[in-house]
Amino acid sequence: MTATVKSLPQFKIGATPAERLYELARMAEEHPERLERFVVIYEGAVTNEERSLGRIEVGYTWTRDVISALEVGKAYYLKELLTP
């Protein structure tokens, strides 16, 4: 199996978090085969001093598969940032 990593395109500059998630939802409706499995990591403020991290995962049976997906995504993201 060959996998490719893609970032969700930025359709609207300055989009709100809800708008970005709606883009993902539209993609899931139009092309469900592209979102058989995914992980979303999100961060938010609990208070002025405290931050919260959370995750949403779909389609994974094993924790090691989630971690593998995150590592592949991390490597792709770093390569994208560091490639001129």
N, C-alpha and C. Protein backbone atom coordinates (compact mmCIF):
# COMPACT_ATOMS: atom_id res chain seq x y z
N MET A 1 0.84 -1.17 0.00
CA MET A 1 0.00 0.00 0.00
C MET A 1 0.89 1.24 0.00
N THR A 2 0.57 2.18 -0.85
CA THR A 2 1.27 3.46 -0.90
C THR A 2 0.36 4.52 -0.32
N ALA A 3 0.90 5.31 0.55
CA ALA A 3 0.11 6.39 1.17
C ALA A 3 0.73 7.73 0.82
N THR A 4 -0.11 8.71 0.66
CA THR A 4 0.37 10.07 0.47
C THR A 4 -0.20 10.92 1.59
N VAL A 5 0.53 11.94 1.93
CA VAL A 5 0.10 12.85 2.99
C VAL A 5 -0.28 14.16 2.32
N LYS A 6 -1.45 14.66 2.66
CA LYS A 6 -1.89 15.93 2.08
C LYS A 6 -2.42 16.82 3.19
N SER A 7 -2.14 18.10 3.04
CA SER A 7 -2.74 19.07 3.93
C SER A 7 -4.06 19.50 3.32
N LEU A 8 -5.01 19.79 4.17
CA LEU A 8 -6.28 20.32 3.68
C LEU A 8 -6.01 21.69 3.10
N PRO A 9 -6.38 21.94 1.85
CA PRO A 9 -6.09 23.24 1.24
C PRO A 9 -6.73 24.38 2.03
N GLN A 10 -6.11 25.52 1.98
CA GLN A 10 -6.64 26.71 2.66
C GLN A 10 -7.55 27.41 1.67
N PHE A 11 -8.84 27.08 1.71
CA PHE A 11 -9.78 27.67 0.76
C PHE A 11 -10.10 29.12 1.10
N LYS A 12 -10.07 29.45 2.35
CA LYS A 12 -10.43 30.79 2.78
C LYS A 12 -9.38 31.28 3.77
N ILE A 13 -8.67 32.31 3.40
CA ILE A 13 -7.67 32.89 4.30
C ILE A 13 -8.37 33.47 5.52
N GLY A 14 -7.84 33.17 6.70
CA GLY A 14 -8.44 33.68 7.93
C GLY A 14 -9.70 32.94 8.36
N ALA A 15 -9.88 31.73 7.84
CA ALA A 15 -11.06 30.95 8.20
C ALA A 15 -11.07 30.63 9.69
N THR A 16 -12.24 30.54 10.27
CA THR A 16 -12.38 30.18 11.67
C THR A 16 -12.15 28.68 11.82
N PRO A 17 -11.92 28.21 13.04
CA PRO A 17 -11.80 26.77 13.24
C PRO A 17 -13.04 26.02 12.74
N ALA A 18 -14.21 26.57 12.99
CA ALA A 18 -15.45 25.91 12.54
C ALA A 18 -15.48 25.81 11.01
N GLU A 19 -15.06 26.87 10.33
CA GLU A 19 -15.05 26.83 8.86
C GLU A 19 -14.08 25.78 8.33
N ARG A 20 -12.92 25.67 8.97
CA ARG A 20 -11.95 24.64 8.53
C ARG A 20 -12.52 23.24 8.75
N LEU A 21 -13.19 23.03 9.87
CA LEU A 21 -13.78 21.72 10.13
C LEU A 21 -14.94 21.43 9.17
N TYR A 22 -15.68 22.47 8.78
CA TYR A 22 -16.74 22.28 7.78
C TYR A 22 -16.14 21.85 6.45
N GLU A 23 -14.96 22.42 6.09
CA GLU A 23 -14.28 21.99 4.87
C GLU A 23 -13.96 20.50 4.94
N LEU A 24 -13.48 20.06 6.09
CA LEU A 24 -13.17 18.64 6.27
C LEU A 24 -14.45 17.81 6.17
N ALA A 25 -15.53 18.29 6.78
CA ALA A 25 -16.80 17.58 6.71
C ALA A 25 -17.31 17.48 5.28
N ARG A 26 -17.17 18.56 4.51
CA ARG A 26 -17.59 18.53 3.11
C ARG A 26 -16.78 17.52 2.32
N MET A 27 -15.46 17.47 2.59
CA MET A 27 -14.62 16.50 1.91
C MET A 27 -15.07 15.08 2.26
N ALA A 28 -15.41 14.86 3.52
CA ALA A 28 -15.86 13.53 3.97
C ALA A 28 -17.16 13.14 3.28
N GLU A 29 -18.04 14.10 3.04
CA GLU A 29 -19.30 13.81 2.35
C GLU A 29 -19.07 13.54 0.87
N GLU A 30 -18.23 14.35 0.24
CA GLU A 30 -18.01 14.24 -1.21
C GLU A 30 -17.06 13.10 -1.58
N HIS A 31 -16.07 12.82 -0.72
CA HIS A 31 -15.05 11.80 -1.00
C HIS A 31 -14.77 10.98 0.25
N PRO A 32 -15.72 10.19 0.74
CA PRO A 32 -15.50 9.45 1.98
C PRO A 32 -14.30 8.51 1.91
N GLU A 33 -13.94 8.06 0.72
CA GLU A 33 -12.79 7.17 0.58
C GLU A 33 -11.48 7.86 0.94
N ARG A 34 -11.44 9.18 0.92
CA ARG A 34 -10.24 9.93 1.26
C ARG A 34 -10.07 10.10 2.77
N LEU A 35 -11.11 9.77 3.51
CA LEU A 35 -11.06 9.97 4.96
C LEU A 35 -11.46 8.69 5.70
N GLU A 36 -10.95 7.56 5.24
CA GLU A 36 -11.25 6.30 5.93
C GLU A 36 -10.69 6.30 7.34
N ARG A 37 -9.51 6.92 7.50
CA ARG A 37 -8.88 7.03 8.82
C ARG A 37 -8.26 8.41 8.94
N PHE A 38 -8.39 9.01 10.11
CA PHE A 38 -7.74 10.29 10.33
C PHE A 38 -7.61 10.57 11.81
N VAL A 39 -6.67 11.47 12.10
CA VAL A 39 -6.42 11.93 13.47
C VAL A 39 -6.39 13.45 13.43
N VAL A 40 -7.08 14.07 14.36
CA VAL A 40 -7.04 15.52 14.52
C VAL A 40 -6.57 15.81 15.94
N ILE A 41 -5.55 16.63 16.05
CA ILE A 41 -5.07 17.08 17.35
C ILE A 41 -5.46 18.55 17.48
N TYR A 42 -6.08 18.89 18.58
CA TYR A 42 -6.48 20.29 18.75
C TYR A 42 -6.02 20.80 20.11
N GLU A 43 -5.85 22.13 20.17
CA GLU A 43 -5.39 22.78 21.38
C GLU A 43 -6.28 23.99 21.64
N GLY A 44 -6.54 24.24 22.90
CA GLY A 44 -7.37 25.39 23.24
C GLY A 44 -7.07 25.87 24.64
N ALA A 45 -7.59 27.03 24.94
CA ALA A 45 -7.39 27.63 26.26
C ALA A 45 -8.48 27.17 27.21
N VAL A 46 -8.07 26.73 28.39
CA VAL A 46 -9.00 26.42 29.47
C VAL A 46 -9.18 27.67 30.31
N THR A 47 -8.07 28.26 30.68
CA THR A 47 -8.04 29.55 31.37
C THR A 47 -6.91 30.35 30.74
N ASN A 48 -6.65 31.54 31.25
CA ASN A 48 -5.54 32.35 30.73
C ASN A 48 -4.20 31.66 30.91
N GLU A 49 -4.07 30.84 31.95
CA GLU A 49 -2.80 30.18 32.23
C GLU A 49 -2.76 28.71 31.80
N GLU A 50 -3.89 28.13 31.50
CA GLU A 50 -3.93 26.69 31.24
C GLU A 50 -4.40 26.39 29.82
N ARG A 51 -3.66 25.47 29.17
CA ARG A 51 -4.01 25.02 27.82
C ARG A 51 -4.50 23.59 27.88
N SER A 52 -5.26 23.20 26.90
CA SER A 52 -5.79 21.84 26.82
C SER A 52 -5.52 21.26 25.45
N LEU A 53 -5.08 20.01 25.41
CA LEU A 53 -4.91 19.28 24.15
C LEU A 53 -5.94 18.17 24.08
N GLY A 54 -6.41 17.91 22.89
CA GLY A 54 -7.36 16.82 22.70
C GLY A 54 -7.13 16.16 21.35
N ARG A 55 -7.80 15.06 21.12
CA ARG A 55 -7.65 14.38 19.84
C ARG A 55 -8.98 13.76 19.43
N ILE A 56 -9.12 13.64 18.13
CA ILE A 56 -10.23 12.91 17.53
C ILE A 56 -9.59 11.92 16.58
N GLU A 57 -9.97 10.68 16.68
CA GLU A 57 -9.43 9.68 15.76
C GLU A 57 -10.59 8.84 15.23
N VAL A 58 -10.47 8.50 13.97
CA VAL A 58 -11.51 7.70 13.31
C VAL A 58 -10.83 6.61 12.49
N GLY A 59 -11.31 5.40 12.62
CA GLY A 59 -10.87 4.32 11.77
C GLY A 59 -9.65 3.54 12.23
N TYR A 60 -9.12 3.86 13.38
CA TYR A 60 -7.93 3.15 13.88
C TYR A 60 -8.35 2.15 14.96
N THR A 61 -7.78 0.96 14.88
CA THR A 61 -8.05 -0.07 15.88
C THR A 61 -6.99 -0.06 16.97
N TRP A 62 -5.76 0.21 16.59
CA TRP A 62 -4.64 0.11 17.51
C TRP A 62 -4.00 1.47 17.75
N THR A 63 -3.59 1.71 18.98
CA THR A 63 -2.90 2.95 19.34
C THR A 63 -1.63 3.12 18.53
N ARG A 64 -0.92 2.03 18.27
CA ARG A 64 0.32 2.13 17.49
C ARG A 64 0.06 2.67 16.09
N ASP A 65 -1.10 2.38 15.52
CA ASP A 65 -1.43 2.91 14.20
C ASP A 65 -1.69 4.41 14.24
N VAL A 66 -2.30 4.88 15.32
CA VAL A 66 -2.50 6.32 15.49
C VAL A 66 -1.15 7.01 15.62
N ILE A 67 -0.26 6.46 16.43
CA ILE A 67 1.07 7.03 16.63
C ILE A 67 1.84 7.02 15.31
N SER A 68 1.73 5.94 14.54
CA SER A 68 2.40 5.87 13.24
C SER A 68 1.88 6.96 12.31
N ALA A 69 0.57 7.16 12.29
CA ALA A 69 -0.01 8.20 11.44
C ALA A 69 0.50 9.58 11.85
N LEU A 70 0.60 9.81 13.16
CA LEU A 70 1.11 11.10 13.64
C LEU A 70 2.58 11.29 13.25
N GLU A 71 3.37 10.24 13.33
CA GLU A 71 4.78 10.33 12.97
C GLU A 71 4.95 10.59 11.47
N VAL A 72 4.16 9.93 10.64
CA VAL A 72 4.22 10.16 9.20
C VAL A 72 3.81 11.60 8.90
N GLY A 73 2.76 12.07 9.55
CA GLY A 73 2.32 13.44 9.37
C GLY A 73 3.36 14.44 9.81
N LYS A 74 4.00 14.16 10.93
CA LYS A 74 5.05 15.04 11.45
C LYS A 74 6.21 15.13 10.46
N ALA A 75 6.66 13.99 9.94
CA ALA A 75 7.77 13.96 8.99
C ALA A 75 7.40 14.73 7.72
N TYR A 76 6.18 14.55 7.24
CA TYR A 76 5.72 15.26 6.05
C TYR A 76 5.69 16.76 6.30
N TYR A 77 5.16 17.16 7.43
CA TYR A 77 5.04 18.57 7.77
C TYR A 77 6.42 19.23 7.87
N LEU A 78 7.35 18.56 8.52
CA LEU A 78 8.71 19.09 8.64
C LEU A 78 9.38 19.22 7.28
N LYS A 79 9.21 18.20 6.44
CA LYS A 79 9.78 18.26 5.10
C LYS A 79 9.19 19.41 4.31
N GLU A 80 7.88 19.60 4.43
CA GLU A 80 7.19 20.69 3.73
C GLU A 80 7.72 22.05 4.21
N LEU A 81 7.95 22.19 5.51
CA LEU A 81 8.46 23.45 6.07
C LEU A 81 9.90 23.73 5.66
N LEU A 82 10.71 22.67 5.57
CA LEU A 82 12.14 22.85 5.35
C LEU A 82 12.54 22.83 3.88
N THR A 83 11.63 22.47 2.99
CA THR A 83 11.94 22.40 1.56
C THR A 83 11.69 23.77 0.94
N PRO A 84 12.75 24.35 0.35
CA PRO A 84 12.57 25.69 -0.25
C PRO A 84 11.70 25.67 -1.49
